[in-house]
Amino acid sequence: MKVIIALAVLAVVAVTAQYPSYPSYPAPAYPKPSYPKPSYDYAPIPYNFAYAVKDDYTYNDFGHQETSDGYAKTGSYYVLLPDGRMQTVNYKADENGYVADVSYKGEAQYPEYKPAYSKPAYPSYKPAYPEPAYPKPAYKPRYN
């Protein structure tokens, strides 16, 4: 076993001795920039926005309102759920995290399913043209 390890070490040494070593270069030295380092500390910008959508045709009813003093954000949003309840979320987001208060108005309604119709609204298919005036063939067609 020792012989095999010794032969392996000698083989590695022999292989590395055959290949030349590459020259090493020093790390590139760049001059320091002449302009000052940019600062990304911007003053806080307060804002206020709101929107609301109420479309009876598509049953869409939702909205959002938010106010910020530049540091903390407070607001609320609401949406009319498919079960008839109104979901309202009041929230506050600041350096301590996001805190939300979710509330619901109304009672969930699940009406019984009723199909739109019980039979087709159209009559069964009947050709709109009369029987052909020419006589039927005397031979039996092959495709029947």
N, C-alpha and C. Protein backbone atom coordinates (compact mmCIF):
# COMPACT_ATOMS: atom_id res chain seq x y z
N MET A 1 0.82 -1.19 0.00
CA MET A 1 0.00 0.00 0.00
C MET A 1 0.87 1.26 0.00
N LYS A 2 1.97 1.21 0.80
CA LYS A 2 2.86 2.37 0.87
C LYS A 2 3.53 2.60 -0.48
N VAL A 3 3.78 1.52 -1.18
CA VAL A 3 4.43 1.62 -2.48
C VAL A 3 3.50 2.34 -3.47
N ILE A 4 2.22 2.02 -3.43
CA ILE A 4 1.26 2.64 -4.35
C ILE A 4 1.16 4.14 -4.08
N ILE A 5 1.14 4.52 -2.79
CA ILE A 5 1.05 5.94 -2.44
C ILE A 5 2.32 6.66 -2.89
N ALA A 6 3.47 6.03 -2.69
CA ALA A 6 4.74 6.64 -3.09
C ALA A 6 4.80 6.81 -4.61
N LEU A 7 4.32 5.82 -5.35
CA LEU A 7 4.32 5.93 -6.82
C LEU A 7 3.37 7.04 -7.27
N ALA A 8 2.24 7.17 -6.61
CA ALA A 8 1.28 8.22 -6.97
C ALA A 8 1.87 9.60 -6.73
N VAL A 9 2.56 9.79 -5.60
CA VAL A 9 3.21 11.08 -5.31
C VAL A 9 4.29 11.36 -6.34
N LEU A 10 5.08 10.39 -6.70
CA LEU A 10 6.12 10.58 -7.71
C LEU A 10 5.51 10.92 -9.07
N ALA A 11 4.38 10.31 -9.40
CA ALA A 11 3.74 10.61 -10.69
C ALA A 11 3.25 12.06 -10.71
N VAL A 12 2.69 12.52 -9.62
CA VAL A 12 2.21 13.92 -9.55
C VAL A 12 3.39 14.88 -9.68
N VAL A 13 4.48 14.60 -9.00
CA VAL A 13 5.66 15.46 -9.07
C VAL A 13 6.23 15.46 -10.48
N ALA A 14 6.26 14.31 -11.14
CA ALA A 14 6.80 14.23 -12.50
C ALA A 14 5.93 14.99 -13.48
N VAL A 15 4.61 14.92 -13.32
CA VAL A 15 3.71 15.62 -14.23
C VAL A 15 3.83 17.13 -14.05
N THR A 16 3.89 17.61 -12.82
CA THR A 16 3.98 19.06 -12.58
C THR A 16 5.34 19.60 -13.02
N ALA A 17 6.37 18.80 -13.01
CA ALA A 17 7.69 19.27 -13.43
C ALA A 17 7.74 19.45 -14.95
N GLN A 18 6.86 18.77 -15.69
CA GLN A 18 6.90 18.87 -17.14
C GLN A 18 6.30 20.18 -17.63
N TYR A 19 5.33 20.74 -16.91
CA TYR A 19 4.65 21.95 -17.36
C TYR A 19 5.29 23.17 -16.74
N PRO A 20 5.49 24.24 -17.55
CA PRO A 20 6.10 25.45 -16.99
C PRO A 20 5.07 26.19 -16.13
N SER A 21 5.56 26.92 -15.17
CA SER A 21 4.66 27.71 -14.32
C SER A 21 4.39 29.04 -15.02
N TYR A 22 3.19 29.56 -14.82
CA TYR A 22 2.82 30.82 -15.46
C TYR A 22 3.31 31.97 -14.61
N PRO A 23 3.64 33.09 -15.27
CA PRO A 23 4.13 34.23 -14.48
C PRO A 23 2.99 34.84 -13.65
N SER A 24 3.34 35.38 -12.52
CA SER A 24 2.34 36.04 -11.68
C SER A 24 2.49 37.54 -11.84
N TYR A 25 1.37 38.22 -11.85
CA TYR A 25 1.37 39.66 -12.03
C TYR A 25 0.81 40.32 -10.78
N PRO A 26 1.25 41.52 -10.48
CA PRO A 26 0.69 42.21 -9.31
C PRO A 26 -0.74 42.67 -9.61
N ALA A 27 -1.50 42.90 -8.58
CA ALA A 27 -2.87 43.38 -8.73
C ALA A 27 -2.84 44.77 -9.36
N PRO A 28 -3.78 45.09 -10.26
CA PRO A 28 -3.77 46.41 -10.89
C PRO A 28 -4.04 47.51 -9.87
N ALA A 29 -3.37 48.59 -10.05
CA ALA A 29 -3.53 49.74 -9.16
C ALA A 29 -4.20 50.85 -9.94
N TYR A 30 -5.37 51.26 -9.50
CA TYR A 30 -6.12 52.33 -10.15
C TYR A 30 -6.06 53.58 -9.28
N PRO A 31 -6.02 54.72 -9.93
CA PRO A 31 -6.03 55.95 -9.12
C PRO A 31 -7.41 56.16 -8.50
N LYS A 32 -7.46 56.82 -7.36
CA LYS A 32 -8.72 57.10 -6.71
C LYS A 32 -9.49 58.13 -7.54
N PRO A 33 -10.83 58.03 -7.57
CA PRO A 33 -11.59 59.00 -8.36
C PRO A 33 -11.47 60.41 -7.76
N SER A 34 -11.53 61.39 -8.64
CA SER A 34 -11.37 62.77 -8.20
C SER A 34 -12.69 63.37 -7.73
N TYR A 35 -13.81 62.72 -7.96
CA TYR A 35 -15.11 63.23 -7.54
C TYR A 35 -15.47 62.65 -6.17
N PRO A 36 -16.34 63.32 -5.42
CA PRO A 36 -16.71 62.80 -4.10
C PRO A 36 -17.64 61.59 -4.22
N LYS A 37 -17.62 60.75 -3.20
CA LYS A 37 -18.49 59.57 -3.18
C LYS A 37 -19.94 60.04 -3.05
N PRO A 38 -20.86 59.49 -3.88
CA PRO A 38 -22.25 59.96 -3.82
C PRO A 38 -22.93 59.55 -2.50
N SER A 39 -23.82 60.39 -2.06
CA SER A 39 -24.59 60.12 -0.85
C SER A 39 -26.02 59.79 -1.25
N TYR A 40 -26.55 58.72 -0.69
CA TYR A 40 -27.91 58.31 -1.01
C TYR A 40 -28.88 58.58 0.14
N ASP A 41 -28.53 59.47 1.01
CA ASP A 41 -29.40 59.84 2.12
C ASP A 41 -30.30 60.97 1.66
N TYR A 42 -31.54 60.63 1.29
CA TYR A 42 -32.50 61.61 0.83
C TYR A 42 -33.44 61.97 1.96
N ALA A 43 -33.94 63.16 1.90
CA ALA A 43 -34.92 63.59 2.89
C ALA A 43 -36.22 62.82 2.66
N PRO A 44 -36.94 62.47 3.71
CA PRO A 44 -38.21 61.75 3.53
C PRO A 44 -39.23 62.61 2.81
N ILE A 45 -40.02 61.96 1.96
CA ILE A 45 -41.01 62.68 1.16
C ILE A 45 -42.40 62.22 1.59
N PRO A 46 -43.18 63.10 2.20
CA PRO A 46 -44.54 62.70 2.59
C PRO A 46 -45.45 62.63 1.36
N TYR A 47 -46.46 61.77 1.44
CA TYR A 47 -47.41 61.65 0.33
C TYR A 47 -48.75 61.18 0.86
N ASN A 48 -49.75 61.27 0.00
CA ASN A 48 -51.11 60.85 0.32
C ASN A 48 -51.77 60.45 -1.00
N PHE A 49 -52.41 59.28 -1.04
CA PHE A 49 -53.14 58.89 -2.25
C PHE A 49 -54.34 58.05 -1.87
N ALA A 50 -55.29 57.98 -2.78
CA ALA A 50 -56.48 57.17 -2.57
C ALA A 50 -57.11 56.86 -3.92
N TYR A 51 -57.79 55.71 -4.00
CA TYR A 51 -58.58 55.36 -5.18
C TYR A 51 -59.70 54.43 -4.75
N ALA A 52 -60.73 54.40 -5.55
CA ALA A 52 -61.87 53.52 -5.27
C ALA A 52 -62.52 53.12 -6.58
N VAL A 53 -63.04 51.90 -6.63
CA VAL A 53 -63.74 51.38 -7.81
C VAL A 53 -65.05 50.78 -7.33
N LYS A 54 -66.14 51.19 -7.96
CA LYS A 54 -67.44 50.59 -7.68
C LYS A 54 -68.15 50.44 -9.01
N ASP A 55 -68.24 49.20 -9.49
CA ASP A 55 -68.85 48.89 -10.77
C ASP A 55 -69.94 47.84 -10.53
N ASP A 56 -71.18 48.26 -10.60
CA ASP A 56 -72.29 47.35 -10.33
C ASP A 56 -72.42 46.26 -11.39
N TYR A 57 -72.07 46.58 -12.62
CA TYR A 57 -72.20 45.61 -13.71
C TYR A 57 -71.31 44.39 -13.49
N THR A 58 -70.07 44.61 -13.05
CA THR A 58 -69.12 43.51 -12.84
C THR A 58 -68.99 43.13 -11.37
N TYR A 59 -69.76 43.75 -10.49
CA TYR A 59 -69.73 43.49 -9.05
C TYR A 59 -68.36 43.77 -8.44
N ASN A 60 -67.64 44.73 -8.98
CA ASN A 60 -66.35 45.12 -8.42
C ASN A 60 -66.57 46.29 -7.47
N ASP A 61 -66.05 46.16 -6.26
CA ASP A 61 -66.12 47.21 -5.26
C ASP A 61 -64.87 47.09 -4.39
N PHE A 62 -63.89 47.94 -4.63
CA PHE A 62 -62.66 47.91 -3.86
C PHE A 62 -62.03 49.29 -3.85
N GLY A 63 -61.12 49.52 -2.90
CA GLY A 63 -60.46 50.81 -2.80
C GLY A 63 -59.25 50.73 -1.90
N HIS A 64 -58.46 51.80 -1.93
CA HIS A 64 -57.22 51.86 -1.16
C HIS A 64 -56.94 53.32 -0.84
N GLN A 65 -56.45 53.57 0.37
CA GLN A 65 -56.07 54.91 0.81
C GLN A 65 -54.81 54.76 1.65
N GLU A 66 -53.80 55.62 1.41
CA GLU A 66 -52.56 55.55 2.17
C GLU A 66 -52.00 56.94 2.39
N THR A 67 -51.41 57.16 3.57
CA THR A 67 -50.79 58.43 3.93
C THR A 67 -49.43 58.13 4.53
N SER A 68 -48.45 58.96 4.21
CA SER A 68 -47.11 58.79 4.77
C SER A 68 -46.56 60.15 5.16
N ASP A 69 -45.89 60.18 6.31
CA ASP A 69 -45.19 61.40 6.72
C ASP A 69 -43.72 61.34 6.31
N GLY A 70 -43.36 60.36 5.53
CA GLY A 70 -41.98 60.18 5.09
C GLY A 70 -41.30 59.06 5.84
N TYR A 71 -41.84 58.70 6.98
CA TYR A 71 -41.25 57.63 7.78
C TYR A 71 -42.24 56.48 7.96
N ALA A 72 -43.40 56.79 8.53
CA ALA A 72 -44.40 55.76 8.78
C ALA A 72 -45.53 55.89 7.76
N LYS A 73 -46.08 54.75 7.39
CA LYS A 73 -47.18 54.73 6.43
C LYS A 73 -48.41 54.16 7.13
N THR A 74 -49.53 54.83 6.96
CA THR A 74 -50.79 54.34 7.49
C THR A 74 -51.80 54.35 6.37
N GLY A 75 -52.73 53.41 6.42
CA GLY A 75 -53.73 53.37 5.36
C GLY A 75 -54.72 52.27 5.58
N SER A 76 -55.57 52.11 4.58
CA SER A 76 -56.57 51.05 4.62
C SER A 76 -56.95 50.70 3.19
N TYR A 77 -57.43 49.47 3.04
CA TYR A 77 -57.99 49.05 1.76
C TYR A 77 -59.16 48.13 2.04
N TYR A 78 -60.06 48.06 1.09
CA TYR A 78 -61.25 47.24 1.26
C TYR A 78 -61.59 46.57 -0.05
N VAL A 79 -62.34 45.45 0.06
CA VAL A 79 -62.77 44.71 -1.12
C VAL A 79 -64.06 43.99 -0.79
N LEU A 80 -64.98 43.97 -1.74
CA LEU A 80 -66.22 43.23 -1.60
C LEU A 80 -65.94 41.79 -2.00
N LEU A 81 -66.10 40.87 -1.07
CA LEU A 81 -65.80 39.46 -1.32
C LEU A 81 -66.94 38.78 -2.07
N PRO A 82 -66.68 37.67 -2.75
CA PRO A 82 -67.73 36.97 -3.51
C PRO A 82 -68.88 36.48 -2.64
N ASP A 83 -68.65 36.27 -1.35
CA ASP A 83 -69.74 35.79 -0.49
C ASP A 83 -70.58 36.94 0.07
N GLY A 84 -70.34 38.17 -0.36
CA GLY A 84 -71.17 39.30 0.04
C GLY A 84 -70.62 40.11 1.19
N ARG A 85 -69.55 39.67 1.84
CA ARG A 85 -68.98 40.43 2.95
C ARG A 85 -68.02 41.49 2.42
N MET A 86 -67.80 42.53 3.22
CA MET A 86 -66.83 43.57 2.90
C MET A 86 -65.63 43.36 3.81
N GLN A 87 -64.46 43.14 3.22
CA GLN A 87 -63.23 42.96 3.98
C GLN A 87 -62.50 44.29 4.01
N THR A 88 -62.15 44.76 5.20
CA THR A 88 -61.42 46.02 5.36
C THR A 88 -60.14 45.74 6.13
N VAL A 89 -59.02 46.28 5.65
CA VAL A 89 -57.73 46.13 6.31
C VAL A 89 -57.20 47.52 6.63
N ASN A 90 -57.01 47.82 7.91
CA ASN A 90 -56.36 49.04 8.36
C ASN A 90 -54.94 48.66 8.77
N TYR A 91 -53.95 49.41 8.30
CA TYR A 91 -52.57 49.00 8.56
C TYR A 91 -51.69 50.19 8.90
N LYS A 92 -50.56 49.87 9.50
CA LYS A 92 -49.52 50.85 9.79
C LYS A 92 -48.18 50.16 9.54
N ALA A 93 -47.32 50.81 8.79
CA ALA A 93 -45.98 50.27 8.50
C ALA A 93 -44.95 51.31 8.88
N ASP A 94 -44.04 50.94 9.76
CA ASP A 94 -42.98 51.85 10.17
C ASP A 94 -41.71 51.05 10.41
N GLU A 95 -40.77 51.64 11.16
CA GLU A 95 -39.50 50.94 11.39
C GLU A 95 -39.68 49.68 12.23
N ASN A 96 -40.83 49.54 12.90
CA ASN A 96 -41.08 48.35 13.72
C ASN A 96 -41.75 47.22 12.94
N GLY A 97 -42.14 47.47 11.70
CA GLY A 97 -42.76 46.43 10.89
C GLY A 97 -44.14 46.82 10.39
N TYR A 98 -44.86 45.83 9.91
CA TYR A 98 -46.19 46.01 9.33
C TYR A 98 -47.22 45.42 10.28
N VAL A 99 -48.18 46.24 10.69
CA VAL A 99 -49.23 45.80 11.60
C VAL A 99 -50.56 46.03 10.91
N ALA A 100 -51.36 44.96 10.76
CA ALA A 100 -52.62 45.06 10.04
C ALA A 100 -53.76 44.62 10.95
N ASP A 101 -54.89 45.30 10.81
CA ASP A 101 -56.12 44.94 11.51
C ASP A 101 -57.15 44.63 10.43
N VAL A 102 -57.55 43.35 10.34
CA VAL A 102 -58.48 42.91 9.30
C VAL A 102 -59.86 42.76 9.93
N SER A 103 -60.87 43.34 9.28
CA SER A 103 -62.24 43.22 9.78
C SER A 103 -63.18 42.91 8.62
N TYR A 104 -64.32 42.33 8.97
CA TYR A 104 -65.33 41.95 7.98
C TYR A 104 -66.66 42.56 8.39
N LYS A 105 -67.42 43.03 7.39
CA LYS A 105 -68.76 43.54 7.62
C LYS A 105 -69.73 42.68 6.84
N GLY A 106 -70.86 42.38 7.46
CA GLY A 106 -71.86 41.58 6.78
C GLY A 106 -71.73 40.11 7.12
N GLU A 107 -72.63 39.32 6.59
CA GLU A 107 -72.64 37.89 6.82
C GLU A 107 -72.47 37.16 5.49
N ALA A 108 -71.69 36.09 5.51
CA ALA A 108 -71.43 35.33 4.29
C ALA A 108 -72.72 34.69 3.80
N GLN A 109 -72.97 34.79 2.51
CA GLN A 109 -74.17 34.22 1.90
C GLN A 109 -73.76 33.22 0.84
N TYR A 110 -74.34 32.03 0.93
CA TYR A 110 -74.07 30.98 -0.04
C TYR A 110 -75.41 30.51 -0.61
N PRO A 111 -75.93 31.18 -1.63
CA PRO A 111 -77.24 30.78 -2.17
C PRO A 111 -77.16 29.40 -2.83
N GLU A 112 -78.32 28.72 -2.86
CA GLU A 112 -78.38 27.40 -3.47
C GLU A 112 -78.17 27.53 -4.98
N TYR A 113 -77.42 26.60 -5.54
CA TYR A 113 -77.13 26.64 -6.97
C TYR A 113 -78.36 26.28 -7.77
N LYS A 114 -78.67 27.11 -8.75
CA LYS A 114 -79.78 26.84 -9.66
C LYS A 114 -79.24 26.94 -11.08
N PRO A 115 -79.37 25.88 -11.87
CA PRO A 115 -78.88 25.96 -13.25
C PRO A 115 -79.62 27.03 -14.03
N ALA A 116 -78.99 27.57 -15.02
CA ALA A 116 -79.57 28.66 -15.79
C ALA A 116 -80.81 28.19 -16.57
N TYR A 117 -80.84 26.95 -17.06
CA TYR A 117 -81.99 26.42 -17.80
C TYR A 117 -81.98 24.90 -17.69
N SER A 118 -83.13 24.29 -17.89
CA SER A 118 -83.21 22.85 -17.76
C SER A 118 -83.16 22.13 -19.10
N LYS A 119 -83.59 22.78 -20.16
CA LYS A 119 -83.52 22.16 -21.49
C LYS A 119 -82.89 23.18 -22.44
N PRO A 120 -82.41 22.72 -23.59
CA PRO A 120 -81.77 23.66 -24.51
C PRO A 120 -82.73 24.75 -24.95
N ALA A 121 -82.20 25.93 -25.12
CA ALA A 121 -83.01 27.06 -25.52
C ALA A 121 -83.28 27.05 -27.02
N TYR A 122 -82.68 26.15 -27.74
CA TYR A 122 -82.86 26.06 -29.19
C TYR A 122 -83.57 24.75 -29.54
N PRO A 123 -84.32 24.71 -30.66
CA PRO A 123 -85.00 23.46 -31.04
C PRO A 123 -84.00 22.44 -31.58
N SER A 124 -84.41 21.18 -31.58
CA SER A 124 -83.52 20.16 -32.13
C SER A 124 -83.35 20.39 -33.63
N TYR A 125 -82.26 19.92 -34.19
CA TYR A 125 -81.91 20.21 -35.57
C TYR A 125 -82.83 19.48 -36.54
N LYS A 126 -83.35 20.23 -37.48
CA LYS A 126 -84.11 19.67 -38.60
C LYS A 126 -83.66 20.43 -39.84
N PRO A 127 -83.45 19.72 -40.95
CA PRO A 127 -82.99 20.43 -42.15
C PRO A 127 -84.04 21.46 -42.60
N ALA A 128 -83.56 22.58 -43.06
CA ALA A 128 -84.45 23.66 -43.48
C ALA A 128 -84.85 23.52 -44.95
N TYR A 129 -84.27 22.57 -45.66
CA TYR A 129 -84.57 22.41 -47.09
C TYR A 129 -85.46 21.18 -47.32
N PRO A 130 -86.23 21.15 -48.41
CA PRO A 130 -87.11 20.00 -48.68
C PRO A 130 -86.32 18.82 -49.24
N GLU A 131 -86.98 17.69 -49.38
CA GLU A 131 -86.35 16.51 -49.98
C GLU A 131 -85.93 16.84 -51.40
N PRO A 132 -84.86 16.21 -51.92
CA PRO A 132 -84.43 16.51 -53.29
C PRO A 132 -85.47 16.04 -54.32
N ALA A 133 -85.53 16.78 -55.44
CA ALA A 133 -86.50 16.48 -56.49
C ALA A 133 -86.05 15.32 -57.38
N TYR A 134 -84.79 14.98 -57.40
CA TYR A 134 -84.30 13.90 -58.25
C TYR A 134 -84.55 12.56 -57.56
N PRO A 135 -84.63 11.47 -58.31
CA PRO A 135 -84.92 10.17 -57.71
C PRO A 135 -83.70 9.63 -56.96
N LYS A 136 -83.94 8.76 -56.00
CA LYS A 136 -82.85 8.14 -55.25
C LYS A 136 -82.13 7.18 -56.19
N PRO A 137 -80.84 6.89 -55.97
CA PRO A 137 -80.10 6.00 -56.85
C PRO A 137 -80.63 4.57 -56.77
N ALA A 138 -80.55 3.86 -57.88
CA ALA A 138 -81.03 2.47 -57.95
C ALA A 138 -80.01 1.52 -57.35
N TYR A 139 -78.78 1.90 -57.28
CA TYR A 139 -77.73 1.06 -56.71
C TYR A 139 -77.52 1.41 -55.24
N LYS A 140 -76.87 0.48 -54.54
CA LYS A 140 -76.57 0.75 -53.14
C LYS A 140 -75.18 1.39 -53.07
N PRO A 141 -75.05 2.58 -52.50
CA PRO A 141 -73.75 3.22 -52.40
C PRO A 141 -72.79 2.40 -51.53
N ARG A 142 -71.50 2.47 -51.82
CA ARG A 142 -70.50 1.68 -51.11
C ARG A 142 -70.21 2.25 -49.70
N TYR A 143 -70.44 3.50 -49.50
CA TYR A 143 -70.09 4.10 -48.23
C TYR A 143 -71.11 3.84 -47.14
N ASN A 144 -72.23 3.16 -47.45
CA ASN A 144 -73.22 2.84 -46.41
C ASN A 144 -72.97 1.50 -45.85
